[in-house]
Amino acid sequence: MKIALAIASEKAIPTAFVVFRDKLETSIAKAARLGYDAIELALARPEEAHMSTILSLLRNNGLELAAISTGRVFAEEHVWFTHPDEKIRHKAINILKGLMDLAAEAKSQVNVGRVRGYIHEGDSRETAEARFIECMTLCADYAAPLGVRLLLEPVNRYEINFVNSVPEAQNLLIKIKRPNIKIMPDVFHMNIEDVSIYQSLRNAGDLVGYIHFADSNRWAPGQGHLNFPAIYRCLKKMGYQGFIGIEILPYPDPDTAAKLAIEYMKKITT
């Protein structure tokens, strides 16, 4: 398993869930020096990124692009899949298509987190689910010929009220029936929502396409109470060979957070 660090450009809003929010050349170089294998890049819109430049920076630093994340699309562009306004849903799809084009250049994958949307006041769960399934299916069908996977990330109830647990994500994938959609568990959210982190991971099995590590307090692994050695053993026993993404709060400061995370991960994975 390879370890990726979540980063964004200096254009990202301060509340973006990334460790480094700086010029990409600076963050990529820092991640490489610290010993990471890859980055996870948070984008709000495809126009932000020149993939040829990013790939050159990654090659020069010996890193890969683990995934493109879309939390900023929700937070900054204010579009999502369950929105009652069809025009806004289509705008969300079009932004995701642009990000999928970028991912195809890098042979990478695209996360679908909060951009999936939430259950709006006055809407039923069935209505929200139908909108989500329609948008997700259109995105998956666009991604398939590009060789791009989509990653549905369950997020806890205190941040959004739709797709909170890994079993809920599994049930939706059964309905969508698109093999290029996988689940992206995040153990911080699983610690809140899933009855058992280990059982949910085992039940998801081959559907796990990527995973986020953050401790119980959303600080670096090792700074809270989650049992990461046991979680890592569970993943190994499952045969998981994908990336582990470090998506944590940049506390006590970004450089220290990134250093604490990789040092801890090296300790439990070697």
Protein backbone atom coordinates (compact mmCIF):
# COMPACT_ATOMS: atom_id res chain seq x y z
CA MET A 1 0.00 0.00 0.00
CA LYS A 2 1.20 3.47 -0.89
CA ILE A 3 0.66 6.60 1.22
CA ALA A 4 -0.79 9.78 -0.32
CA LEU A 5 -1.03 13.27 1.19
CA ALA A 6 -4.05 15.51 0.56
CA ILE A 7 -3.06 18.89 -0.87
CA ALA A 8 -4.61 21.86 -2.69
CA SER A 9 -3.36 25.01 -4.34
CA GLU A 10 -3.22 28.33 -2.52
CA LYS A 11 -6.53 29.18 -4.28
CA ALA A 12 -8.43 26.76 -2.02
CA ILE A 13 -10.52 28.17 0.79
CA PRO A 14 -8.94 27.83 4.28
CA THR A 15 -11.52 25.22 5.32
CA ALA A 16 -10.54 22.81 2.52
CA PHE A 17 -9.82 19.36 3.99
CA VAL A 18 -6.16 19.23 2.99
CA VAL A 19 -2.85 19.24 4.84
CA PHE A 20 -0.94 21.60 2.53
CA ARG A 21 -2.67 24.60 0.92
CA ASP A 22 0.13 26.24 -1.04
CA LYS A 23 1.70 26.44 -4.48
CA LEU A 24 1.59 22.94 -5.94
CA GLU A 25 5.32 22.83 -6.68
CA THR A 26 6.02 23.64 -3.02
CA SER A 27 3.58 21.08 -1.61
CA ILE A 28 4.63 18.31 -4.01
CA ALA A 29 8.30 18.85 -3.16
CA LYS A 30 7.52 18.80 0.58
CA ALA A 31 5.49 15.59 0.28
CA ALA A 32 8.37 13.91 -1.55
CA ARG A 33 10.97 15.03 1.00
CA LEU A 34 8.84 13.68 3.83
CA GLY A 35 8.61 10.27 2.19
CA TYR A 36 5.10 10.15 0.77
CA ASP A 37 4.43 8.04 -2.33
CA ALA A 38 1.70 10.18 -3.83
CA ILE A 39 -0.56 13.18 -3.47
CA GLU A 40 -4.33 13.53 -3.51
CA LEU A 41 -5.24 16.78 -5.24
CA ALA A 42 -8.33 18.79 -4.21
CA LEU A 43 -9.78 20.83 -7.08
CA ALA A 44 -12.84 23.07 -7.34
CA ARG A 45 -12.88 23.20 -11.14
CA PRO A 46 -10.86 21.65 -13.96
CA GLU A 47 -9.52 25.02 -15.17
CA GLU A 48 -7.41 25.24 -12.00
CA ALA A 49 -5.08 22.46 -13.08
CA HIS A 50 -2.71 22.02 -15.99
CA MET A 51 -2.22 18.28 -15.78
CA SER A 52 0.90 18.24 -17.95
CA THR A 53 2.59 20.60 -15.48
CA ILE A 54 1.39 18.59 -12.48
CA LEU A 55 2.55 15.32 -14.00
CA SER A 56 5.96 16.85 -14.68
CA LEU A 57 6.21 17.99 -11.04
CA LEU A 58 5.18 14.53 -9.85
CA ARG A 59 7.70 12.75 -12.09
CA ASN A 60 10.50 15.07 -10.98
CA ASN A 61 9.69 14.29 -7.35
CA GLY A 62 9.04 10.56 -7.76
CA LEU A 63 5.37 10.80 -6.76
CA GLU A 64 2.04 9.61 -8.17
CA LEU A 65 -1.44 11.16 -8.28
CA ALA A 66 -3.56 8.90 -6.09
CA ALA A 67 -6.86 10.70 -6.69
CA ILE A 68 -8.57 13.99 -7.45
CA SER A 69 -10.94 14.99 -4.65
CA THR A 70 -14.08 17.09 -5.07
CA GLY A 71 -14.94 18.50 -1.66
CA ARG A 72 -14.08 21.94 -2.98
CA VAL A 73 -16.66 21.58 -5.76
CA PHE A 74 -19.33 21.36 -3.07
CA ALA A 75 -17.86 24.03 -0.78
CA GLU A 76 -16.72 26.59 -3.35
CA GLU A 77 -18.83 26.03 -6.46
CA HIS A 78 -21.99 25.27 -4.43
CA VAL A 79 -23.21 22.50 -6.74
CA TRP A 80 -24.12 18.91 -5.94
CA PHE A 81 -26.00 15.90 -7.27
CA THR A 82 -29.12 16.02 -5.08
CA HIS A 83 -29.91 19.69 -5.63
CA PRO A 84 -33.59 20.37 -6.48
CA ASP A 85 -32.52 22.62 -9.38
CA GLU A 86 -31.74 20.50 -12.45
CA LYS A 87 -29.40 23.19 -13.82
CA ILE A 88 -27.25 23.02 -10.71
CA ARG A 89 -27.16 19.23 -10.89
CA HIS A 90 -25.99 19.47 -14.51
CA LYS A 91 -23.32 22.00 -13.55
CA ALA A 92 -22.04 19.56 -10.94
CA ILE A 93 -21.91 16.79 -13.56
CA ASN A 94 -20.06 19.01 -16.02
CA ILE A 95 -17.44 19.98 -13.43
CA LEU A 96 -16.96 16.32 -12.55
CA LYS A 97 -16.56 15.45 -16.24
CA GLY A 98 -13.75 17.99 -16.50
CA LEU A 99 -12.08 16.50 -13.43
CA MET A 100 -12.46 13.01 -14.93
CA ASP A 101 -10.69 14.22 -18.06
CA LEU A 102 -7.80 15.38 -15.87
CA ALA A 103 -7.79 12.07 -14.00
CA ALA A 104 -7.62 10.20 -17.30
CA GLU A 105 -4.44 12.08 -18.23
CA ALA A 106 -2.87 10.96 -14.97
CA LYS A 107 -4.36 7.43 -14.99
CA SER A 108 -5.96 8.32 -11.68
CA GLN A 109 -9.41 8.34 -10.07
CA VAL A 110 -11.98 10.87 -8.82
CA ASN A 111 -13.51 11.03 -5.37
CA VAL A 112 -17.21 11.84 -4.88
CA GLY A 113 -17.61 13.10 -1.33
CA ARG A 114 -19.95 15.90 -0.30
CA VAL A 115 -20.59 16.77 -3.95
CA ARG A 116 -23.07 13.89 -3.94
CA GLY A 117 -25.29 16.30 -1.97
CA TYR A 118 -27.72 15.94 0.87
CA ILE A 119 -31.42 15.44 1.51
CA HIS A 120 -32.95 18.90 1.17
CA GLU A 121 -35.66 20.12 3.50
CA GLY A 122 -38.99 19.06 2.06
CA ASP A 123 -37.46 16.29 -0.05
CA SER A 124 -37.73 12.61 0.77
CA ARG A 125 -34.76 10.29 0.95
CA GLU A 126 -36.15 8.55 -2.15
CA THR A 127 -36.11 11.82 -4.09
CA ALA A 128 -32.54 12.60 -3.09
CA GLU A 129 -31.45 9.06 -3.89
CA ALA A 130 -33.06 9.15 -7.34
CA ARG A 131 -31.29 12.41 -8.20
CA PHE A 132 -27.99 11.07 -6.92
CA ILE A 133 -28.28 7.79 -8.83
CA GLU A 134 -29.09 9.62 -12.07
CA CYS A 135 -26.10 11.98 -11.73
CA MET A 136 -23.72 9.27 -10.56
CA THR A 137 -24.73 6.98 -13.42
CA LEU A 138 -24.11 9.71 -15.99
CA CYS A 139 -20.69 10.39 -14.46
CA ALA A 140 -19.77 6.70 -14.35
CA ASP A 141 -20.77 6.22 -17.98
CA TYR A 142 -18.63 9.21 -18.96
CA ALA A 143 -15.69 7.91 -16.90
CA ALA A 144 -15.76 4.32 -18.16
CA PRO A 145 -14.25 4.84 -21.65
CA LEU A 146 -11.64 7.12 -20.07
CA GLY A 147 -10.53 4.30 -17.78
CA VAL A 148 -11.36 6.41 -14.72
CA ARG A 149 -12.83 5.10 -11.48
CA LEU A 150 -15.19 7.07 -9.27
CA LEU A 151 -14.91 6.74 -5.50
CA LEU A 152 -18.01 7.24 -3.35
CA GLU A 153 -16.97 8.46 0.11
CA PRO A 154 -19.38 8.04 3.05
CA VAL A 155 -19.31 11.14 5.29
CA ASN A 156 -20.60 11.35 8.85
CA ARG A 157 -24.04 12.71 9.78
CA TYR A 158 -22.65 15.88 11.36
CA GLU A 159 -21.35 17.06 7.97
CA ILE A 160 -24.05 15.76 5.64
CA ASN A 161 -27.25 13.72 5.93
CA PHE A 162 -26.91 11.36 2.99
CA VAL A 163 -24.56 8.37 2.46
CA ASN A 164 -23.08 8.30 5.94
CA SER A 165 -21.82 4.73 6.28
CA VAL A 166 -20.02 2.14 4.19
CA PRO A 167 -23.06 -0.22 4.13
CA GLU A 168 -25.20 2.65 2.82
CA ALA A 169 -22.68 3.26 0.04
CA GLN A 170 -22.67 -0.46 -0.79
CA ASN A 171 -26.44 -0.50 -1.13
CA LEU A 172 -26.34 2.43 -3.53
CA LEU A 173 -23.65 0.81 -5.67
CA ILE A 174 -25.84 -2.28 -5.99
CA LYS A 175 -28.59 -0.06 -7.40
CA ILE A 176 -26.32 1.88 -9.77
CA LYS A 177 -24.64 -1.24 -11.21
CA ARG A 178 -21.54 0.43 -12.61
CA PRO A 179 -18.29 -1.50 -12.04
CA ASN A 180 -16.14 1.63 -12.27
CA ILE A 181 -17.63 3.03 -9.06
CA LYS A 182 -15.91 1.94 -5.85
CA ILE A 183 -16.22 2.92 -2.19
CA MET A 184 -13.77 5.23 -0.47
CA PRO A 185 -14.03 4.58 3.27
CA ASP A 186 -12.62 7.20 5.63
CA VAL A 187 -11.89 5.76 9.05
CA PHE A 188 -12.60 9.11 10.75
CA HIS A 189 -16.17 8.96 9.45
CA MET A 190 -16.40 5.19 10.00
CA ASN A 191 -15.52 5.68 13.66
CA ILE A 192 -18.71 7.75 13.97
CA GLU A 193 -21.09 5.87 11.69
CA ASP A 194 -20.10 2.22 11.20
CA VAL A 195 -20.83 -0.42 13.83
CA SER A 196 -17.40 -1.97 13.20
CA ILE A 197 -14.65 -0.45 11.05
CA TYR A 198 -13.19 -3.90 10.45
CA GLN A 199 -16.46 -5.63 9.58
CA SER A 200 -17.53 -2.84 7.23
CA LEU A 201 -14.19 -3.05 5.42
CA ARG A 202 -14.38 -6.83 5.17
CA ASN A 203 -17.98 -6.73 3.93
CA ALA A 204 -17.08 -4.14 1.28
CA GLY A 205 -14.13 -6.28 0.15
CA ASP A 206 -13.17 -5.59 -3.46
CA LEU A 207 -15.44 -2.56 -3.53
CA VAL A 208 -12.87 -0.63 -1.48
CA GLY A 209 -11.05 1.44 -4.09
CA TYR A 210 -9.23 3.92 -1.87
CA ILE A 211 -9.18 4.73 1.85
CA HIS A 212 -8.63 7.80 4.00
CA PHE A 213 -6.76 7.63 7.28
CA ALA A 214 -7.38 10.29 9.95
CA ASP A 215 -7.49 9.69 13.68
CA SER A 216 -10.54 9.99 15.93
CA ASN A 217 -9.89 13.73 16.38
CA ARG A 218 -9.10 14.17 12.65
CA TRP A 219 -5.47 14.80 13.51
CA ALA A 220 -2.65 12.68 12.08
CA PRO A 221 -2.87 8.91 12.65
CA GLY A 222 -1.38 8.15 16.05
CA GLN A 223 -2.69 11.35 17.62
CA GLY A 224 -6.08 9.97 18.68
CA HIS A 225 -7.52 6.63 19.81
CA LEU A 226 -8.10 4.65 16.60
CA ASN A 227 -6.24 1.34 16.32
CA PHE A 228 -4.44 1.88 13.02
CA PRO A 229 -2.19 -1.19 13.23
CA ALA A 230 -5.35 -3.35 13.43
CA ILE A 231 -7.01 -1.42 10.58
CA TYR A 232 -3.88 -1.84 8.44
CA ARG A 233 -3.76 -5.59 9.22
CA CYS A 234 -7.42 -5.86 8.21
CA LEU A 235 -6.70 -4.19 4.86
CA LYS A 236 -3.72 -6.47 4.24
CA LYS A 237 -5.75 -9.57 5.06
CA MET A 238 -8.42 -8.37 2.59
CA GLY A 239 -5.76 -8.13 -0.10
CA TYR A 240 -6.18 -4.36 -0.47
CA GLN A 241 -3.29 -2.92 -2.47
CA GLY A 242 -4.49 0.61 -3.21
CA PHE A 243 -3.54 3.97 -1.77
CA ILE A 244 -4.02 5.16 1.79
CA GLY A 245 -4.80 8.87 1.69
CA ILE A 246 -3.87 11.10 4.61
CA GLU A 247 -6.70 13.65 4.87
CA ILE A 248 -6.30 15.33 8.24
CA LEU A 249 -6.57 18.69 9.90
CA PRO A 250 -3.31 20.64 9.52
CA TYR A 251 -2.72 20.71 13.29
CA PRO A 252 -0.67 21.78 15.14
CA ASP A 253 0.59 23.16 11.80
CA PRO A 254 0.70 21.73 8.25
CA ASP A 255 4.37 20.70 8.23
CA THR A 256 4.18 19.00 11.62
CA ALA A 257 0.90 17.26 10.76
CA ALA A 258 2.32 15.85 7.52
CA LYS A 259 5.51 14.73 9.29
CA LEU A 260 3.67 13.08 12.18
CA ALA A 261 1.40 11.22 9.76
CA ILE A 262 4.11 9.77 7.52
CA GLU A 263 6.38 8.84 10.43
CA TYR A 264 3.53 6.97 12.09
CA MET A 265 2.47 5.27 8.85
CA LYS A 266 6.04 4.13 8.12
CA LYS A 267 6.18 2.66 11.60
CA ILE A 268 3.03 0.56 11.24
CA THR A 269 3.54 -0.50 7.61
CA THR A 270 7.17 -1.71 7.80
